[in-house]
Amino acid sequence: MVRPCKLFHRPTGRYLAASTCDLSAGGAMLRVRAPRPLRPGDEVEVLIALHPRQLLEASNQRSARVVRVMGTPGGDQIAGVEYAAAAQSRLAA
């Protein structure tokens, strides 16, 4: 399911344009356009437009952590992120 989204990248304090490649309850795989490479461990806020023409609001963002990153020939990055709530649930089990 491809949906437009954006990331707030905490280390740089910037919003990055992105789109979803895959979504799950615990995280997402995102195609990200970023001038600086993302790194595993980077803290991000994820905002995903779940409906067409949805306005992305800060109240809908989810805290997440980058767990893997791959480059693409076009210069984008494919980033796997784990939502903070999913990580806490995993650690508590």
Protein backbone atom coordinates (compact mmCIF):
# COMPACT_ATOMS: atom_id res chain seq x y z
CA MET A 1 0.00 0.00 0.00
CA VAL A 2 1.67 3.22 -1.17
CA ARG A 3 0.68 6.29 0.83
CA PRO A 4 2.33 9.70 1.02
CA CYS A 5 4.00 10.46 4.31
CA LYS A 6 6.72 12.49 5.91
CA LEU A 7 9.27 11.93 8.61
CA PHE A 8 10.46 14.37 11.21
CA HIS A 9 14.13 13.41 11.57
CA ARG A 10 15.08 14.33 15.14
CA PRO A 11 18.88 14.39 14.65
CA THR A 12 18.61 17.13 11.99
CA GLY A 13 15.30 18.71 13.03
CA ARG A 14 13.99 18.45 9.45
CA TYR A 15 10.91 17.03 7.78
CA LEU A 16 11.64 14.58 4.95
CA ALA A 17 9.31 13.61 2.10
CA ALA A 18 8.52 9.90 1.99
CA SER A 19 6.02 7.28 0.84
CA THR A 20 5.09 3.93 2.30
CA CYS A 21 6.24 0.65 0.75
CA ASP A 22 4.71 -1.55 3.46
CA LEU A 23 2.79 -0.99 6.68
CA SER A 24 2.31 -3.18 9.74
CA ALA A 25 1.14 -2.74 13.31
CA GLY A 26 4.74 -2.61 14.53
CA GLY A 27 6.33 -0.38 11.92
CA ALA A 28 6.70 0.56 8.28
CA MET A 29 9.00 0.33 5.28
CA LEU A 30 9.37 3.80 3.76
CA ARG A 31 10.93 5.28 0.62
CA VAL A 32 12.58 8.48 1.83
CA ARG A 33 14.12 11.41 -0.01
CA ALA A 34 16.79 12.82 2.26
CA PRO A 35 19.88 14.95 1.61
CA ARG A 36 21.67 13.13 4.45
CA PRO A 37 21.71 9.35 4.87
CA LEU A 38 19.46 7.96 7.57
CA ARG A 39 21.16 5.62 10.02
CA PRO A 40 19.90 2.70 12.11
CA GLY A 41 19.06 4.05 15.55
CA ASP A 42 17.92 7.48 14.30
CA GLU A 43 14.80 8.66 16.13
CA VAL A 44 11.98 9.86 13.84
CA GLU A 45 8.34 10.87 13.95
CA VAL A 46 6.23 9.25 11.20
CA LEU A 47 3.17 10.97 9.68
CA ILE A 48 1.24 8.82 7.16
CA ALA A 49 -1.72 9.99 5.06
CA LEU A 50 -4.11 7.05 5.41
CA HIS A 51 -6.83 8.70 3.30
CA PRO A 52 -6.60 10.65 0.02
CA ARG A 53 -6.13 14.38 0.53
CA GLN A 54 -5.65 13.93 4.26
CA LEU A 55 -3.84 16.80 5.95
CA LEU A 56 -0.88 15.48 7.94
CA GLU A 57 -1.13 16.87 11.46
CA ALA A 58 1.41 16.65 14.25
CA SER A 59 -1.22 15.06 16.50
CA ASN A 60 -1.22 12.00 14.17
CA GLN A 61 2.51 11.37 14.30
CA ARG A 62 4.02 8.21 15.74
CA SER A 63 7.44 7.99 17.35
CA ALA A 64 9.71 5.43 15.72
CA ARG A 65 13.31 4.33 15.37
CA VAL A 66 15.10 3.51 12.11
CA VAL A 67 16.12 -0.16 12.22
CA ARG A 68 17.50 -0.63 8.68
CA VAL A 69 18.36 1.47 5.63
CA MET A 70 19.12 0.60 2.00
CA GLY A 71 20.02 2.95 -0.84
CA THR A 72 18.32 2.90 -4.24
CA PRO A 73 19.84 3.60 -7.67
CA GLY A 74 17.70 6.77 -7.88
CA GLY A 75 19.20 8.20 -4.69
CA ASP A 76 16.25 7.52 -2.40
CA GLN A 77 16.59 5.47 0.75
CA ILE A 78 14.41 2.56 1.81
CA ALA A 79 14.11 2.72 5.60
CA GLY A 80 12.53 0.22 7.95
CA VAL A 81 11.16 1.87 11.08
CA GLU A 82 9.83 0.31 14.26
CA TYR A 83 7.18 2.25 16.15
CA ALA A 84 8.18 3.08 19.73
CA ALA A 85 4.99 1.50 21.13
CA ALA A 86 5.78 -1.78 19.32
CA ALA A 87 9.34 -1.79 20.66
CA GLN A 88 8.10 -1.27 24.23
CA SER A 89 5.60 -4.13 23.85
CA ARG A 90 8.34 -6.41 22.49
CA LEU A 91 10.65 -5.59 25.40
CA ALA A 92 7.90 -6.14 27.98
CA ALA A 93 7.10 -9.65 26.66
